[in-house]
Amino acid sequence: MAIHSMTGFGRASGHSGAWGWAWEIRTVNSKGLDLRLRLPPG
């Protein structure tokens, strides 16, 4: 049996004191990686 497709996804969020954070990571068929990090302005 051969694997023809592979997809991965992860998400996390949290806070530390007055700071909040969230991140997402995705990969589709091992062709690329999409990494996003969001921080509050300022």
PDB file of N, CA and C in Angstrom:
ATOM      1  N   MET A   1       0.849  -1.170   0.000  1.00  0.00           N
ATOM      2  CA  MET A   1       0.000   0.000   0.000  1.00  0.00           C
ATOM      3  C   MET A   1       0.897   1.237   0.000  1.00  0.00           C
ATOM      4  N   ALA A   2       0.623   2.153  -0.880  1.00  0.00           N
ATOM      5  CA  ALA A   2       1.368   3.403  -0.964  1.00  0.00           C
ATOM      6  C   ALA A   2       0.479   4.555  -0.502  1.00  0.00           C
ATOM      7  N   ILE A   3       1.082   5.515   0.155  1.00  0.00           N
ATOM      8  CA  ILE A   3       0.357   6.712   0.578  1.00  0.00           C
ATOM      9  C   ILE A   3       0.428   7.716  -0.563  1.00  0.00           C
ATOM     10  N   HIS A   4      -0.736   8.145  -1.047  1.00  0.00           N
ATOM     11  CA  HIS A   4      -0.785   9.078  -2.172  1.00  0.00           C
ATOM     12  C   HIS A   4      -1.051  10.513  -1.736  1.00  0.00           C
ATOM     13  N   SER A   5      -1.563  10.708  -0.560  1.00  0.00           N
ATOM     14  CA  SER A   5      -1.896  12.043  -0.100  1.00  0.00           C
ATOM     15  C   SER A   5      -1.647  12.132   1.401  1.00  0.00           C
ATOM     16  N   MET A   6      -1.114  13.265   1.826  1.00  0.00           N
ATOM     17  CA  MET A   6      -0.880  13.468   3.247  1.00  0.00           C
ATOM     18  C   MET A   6      -1.181  14.928   3.580  1.00  0.00           C
ATOM     19  N   THR A   7      -2.041  15.136   4.548  1.00  0.00           N
ATOM     20  CA  THR A   7      -2.439  16.474   4.959  1.00  0.00           C
ATOM     21  C   THR A   7      -2.285  16.581   6.467  1.00  0.00           C
ATOM     22  N   GLY A   8      -1.774  17.722   6.937  1.00  0.00           N
ATOM     23  CA  GLY A   8      -1.637  17.947   8.369  1.00  0.00           C
ATOM     24  C   GLY A   8      -2.115  19.341   8.737  1.00  0.00           C
ATOM     25  N   PHE A   9      -2.628  19.489   9.960  1.00  0.00           N
ATOM     26  CA  PHE A   9      -3.127  20.772  10.426  1.00  0.00           C
ATOM     27  C   PHE A   9      -2.963  20.841  11.935  1.00  0.00           C
ATOM     28  N   GLY A  10      -2.549  21.994  12.436  1.00  0.00           N
ATOM     29  CA  GLY A  10      -2.449  22.198  13.874  1.00  0.00           C
ATOM     30  C   GLY A  10      -2.799  23.631  14.223  1.00  0.00           C
ATOM     31  N   ARG A  11      -3.389  23.827  15.390  1.00  0.00           N
ATOM     32  CA  ARG A  11      -3.764  25.170  15.842  1.00  0.00           C
ATOM     33  C   ARG A  11      -3.599  25.228  17.355  1.00  0.00           C
ATOM     34  N   ALA A  12      -3.108  26.354  17.846  1.00  0.00           N
ATOM     35  CA  ALA A  12      -2.978  26.559  19.289  1.00  0.00           C
ATOM     36  C   ALA A  12      -3.168  28.041  19.593  1.00  0.00           C
ATOM     37  N   SER A  13      -3.620  28.334  20.791  1.00  0.00           N
ATOM     38  CA  SER A  13      -3.737  29.719  21.239  1.00  0.00           C
ATOM     39  C   SER A  13      -3.581  29.747  22.751  1.00  0.00           C
ATOM     40  N   GLY A  14      -3.266  30.915  23.258  1.00  0.00           N
ATOM     41  CA  GLY A  14      -3.094  31.049  24.692  1.00  0.00           C
ATOM     42  C   GLY A  14      -2.794  32.485  25.070  1.00  0.00           C
ATOM     43  N   HIS A  15      -2.435  32.688  26.316  1.00  0.00           N
ATOM     44  CA  HIS A  15      -2.092  34.031  26.780  1.00  0.00           C
ATOM     45  C   HIS A  15      -1.059  33.930  27.887  1.00  0.00           C
ATOM     46  N   SER A  16      -0.319  35.009  28.025  1.00  0.00           N
ATOM     47  CA  SER A  16       0.691  35.126  29.062  1.00  0.00           C
ATOM     48  C   SER A  16       0.628  36.557  29.584  1.00  0.00           C
ATOM     49  N   GLY A  17       0.052  36.737  30.734  1.00  0.00           N
ATOM     50  CA  GLY A  17      -0.120  38.087  31.267  1.00  0.00           C
ATOM     51  C   GLY A  17      -1.087  38.871  30.392  1.00  0.00           C
ATOM     52  N   ALA A  18      -0.647  40.024  29.887  1.00  0.00           N
ATOM     53  CA  ALA A  18      -1.484  40.866  29.032  1.00  0.00           C
ATOM     54  C   ALA A  18      -1.417  40.461  27.568  1.00  0.00           C
ATOM     55  N   TRP A  19      -0.576  39.490  27.216  1.00  0.00           N
ATOM     56  CA  TRP A  19      -0.374  39.087  25.820  1.00  0.00           C
ATOM     57  C   TRP A  19      -1.207  37.862  25.474  1.00  0.00           C
ATOM     58  N   GLY A  20      -1.792  37.906  24.292  1.00  0.00           N
ATOM     59  CA  GLY A  20      -2.498  36.750  23.749  1.00  0.00           C
ATOM     60  C   GLY A  20      -1.836  36.339  22.444  1.00  0.00           C
ATOM     61  N   TRP A  21      -1.904  35.071  22.100  1.00  0.00           N
ATOM     62  CA  TRP A  21      -1.270  34.600  20.868  1.00  0.00           C
ATOM     63  C   TRP A  21      -2.083  33.450  20.275  1.00  0.00           C
ATOM     64  N   ALA A  22      -1.914  33.258  18.976  1.00  0.00           N
ATOM     65  CA  ALA A  22      -2.552  32.141  18.269  1.00  0.00           C
ATOM     66  C   ALA A  22      -1.659  31.769  17.096  1.00  0.00           C
ATOM     67  N   TRP A  23      -1.558  30.470  16.799  1.00  0.00           N
ATOM     68  CA  TRP A  23      -0.805  30.045  15.625  1.00  0.00           C
ATOM     69  C   TRP A  23      -1.511  28.890  14.936  1.00  0.00           C
ATOM     70  N   GLU A  24      -1.281  28.802  13.624  1.00  0.00           N
ATOM     71  CA  GLU A  24      -1.804  27.718  12.801  1.00  0.00           C
ATOM     72  C   GLU A  24      -0.677  27.212  11.917  1.00  0.00           C
ATOM     73  N   ILE A  25      -0.650  25.930  11.687  1.00  0.00           N
ATOM     74  CA  ILE A  25       0.323  25.340  10.778  1.00  0.00           C
ATOM     75  C   ILE A  25      -0.413  24.324   9.906  1.00  0.00           C
ATOM     76  N   ARG A  26      -0.131  24.345   8.605  1.00  0.00           N
ATOM     77  CA  ARG A  26      -0.799  23.460   7.648  1.00  0.00           C
ATOM     78  C   ARG A  26       0.193  22.946   6.621  1.00  0.00           C
ATOM     79  N   THR A  27      -0.003  21.746   6.181  1.00  0.00           N
ATOM     80  CA  THR A  27       0.739  21.211   5.055  1.00  0.00           C
ATOM     81  C   THR A  27      -0.202  20.318   4.251  1.00  0.00           C
ATOM     82  N   VAL A  28      -0.090  20.379   2.934  1.00  0.00           N
ATOM     83  CA  VAL A  28      -0.943  19.595   2.046  1.00  0.00           C
ATOM     84  C   VAL A  28      -0.058  18.867   1.046  1.00  0.00           C
ATOM     85  N   ASN A  29      -0.121  17.560   1.039  1.00  0.00           N
ATOM     86  CA  ASN A  29       0.598  16.712   0.086  1.00  0.00           C
ATOM     87  C   ASN A  29       2.103  16.994   0.049  1.00  0.00           C
ATOM     88  N   SER A  30       2.663  17.411   1.148  1.00  0.00           N
ATOM     89  CA  SER A  30       4.107  17.656   1.272  1.00  0.00           C
ATOM     90  C   SER A  30       4.648  18.628   0.231  1.00  0.00           C
ATOM     91  N   LYS A  31       3.797  19.480  -0.317  1.00  0.00           N
ATOM     92  CA  LYS A  31       4.235  20.423  -1.352  1.00  0.00           C
ATOM     93  C   LYS A  31       4.547  21.799  -0.786  1.00  0.00           C
ATOM     94  N   GLY A  32       4.184  22.049   0.435  1.00  0.00           N
ATOM     95  CA  GLY A  32       4.444  23.358   1.003  1.00  0.00           C
ATOM     96  C   GLY A  32       4.032  23.402   2.455  1.00  0.00           C
ATOM     97  N   LEU A  33       4.365  24.481   3.102  1.00  0.00           N
ATOM     98  CA  LEU A  33       4.060  24.677   4.511  1.00  0.00           C
ATOM     99  C   LEU A  33       3.511  26.082   4.672  1.00  0.00           C
ATOM    100  N   ASP A  34       2.384  26.223   5.314  1.00  0.00           N
ATOM    101  CA  ASP A  34       1.762  27.512   5.581  1.00  0.00           C
ATOM    102  C   ASP A  34       1.760  27.711   7.089  1.00  0.00           C
ATOM    103  N   LEU A  35       2.552  28.642   7.567  1.00  0.00           N
ATOM    104  CA  LEU A  35       2.685  28.910   8.998  1.00  0.00           C
ATOM    105  C   LEU A  35       2.208  30.331   9.263  1.00  0.00           C
ATOM    106  N   ARG A  36       1.274  30.495  10.201  1.00  0.00           N
ATOM    107  CA  ARG A  36       0.732  31.817  10.525  1.00  0.00           C
ATOM    108  C   ARG A  36       0.822  32.056  12.025  1.00  0.00           C
ATOM    109  N   LEU A  37       1.270  33.236  12.387  1.00  0.00           N
ATOM    110  CA  LEU A  37       1.359  33.646  13.786  1.00  0.00           C
ATOM    111  C   LEU A  37       0.686  35.003  13.909  1.00  0.00           C
ATOM    112  N   ARG A  38      -0.240  35.130  14.838  1.00  0.00           N
ATOM    113  CA  ARG A  38      -0.942  36.399  15.031  1.00  0.00           C
ATOM    114  C   ARG A  38      -0.634  36.941  16.416  1.00  0.00           C
ATOM    115  N   LEU A  39      -0.238  38.193  16.442  1.00  0.00           N
ATOM    116  CA  LEU A  39       0.039  38.899  17.691  1.00  0.00           C
ATOM    117  C   LEU A  39      -0.776  40.181  17.709  1.00  0.00           C
ATOM    118  N   PRO A  40      -1.132  40.686  18.863  1.00  0.00           N
ATOM    119  CA  PRO A  40      -1.889  41.937  18.912  1.00  0.00           C
ATOM    120  C   PRO A  40      -1.026  43.109  18.451  1.00  0.00           C
ATOM    121  N   PRO A  41      -1.639  44.154  17.884  1.00  0.00           N
ATOM    122  CA  PRO A  41      -0.876  45.324  17.444  1.00  0.00           C
ATOM    123  C   PRO A  41      -0.258  46.063  18.628  1.00  0.00           C
ATOM    124  N   GLY A  42       0.822  46.775  18.330  1.00  0.00           N
ATOM    125  CA  GLY A  42       1.413  47.635  19.333  1.00  0.00           C
ATOM    126  C   GLY A  42       2.545  47.019  20.004  1.00  0.00           C
TER     127      GLY A  42
END
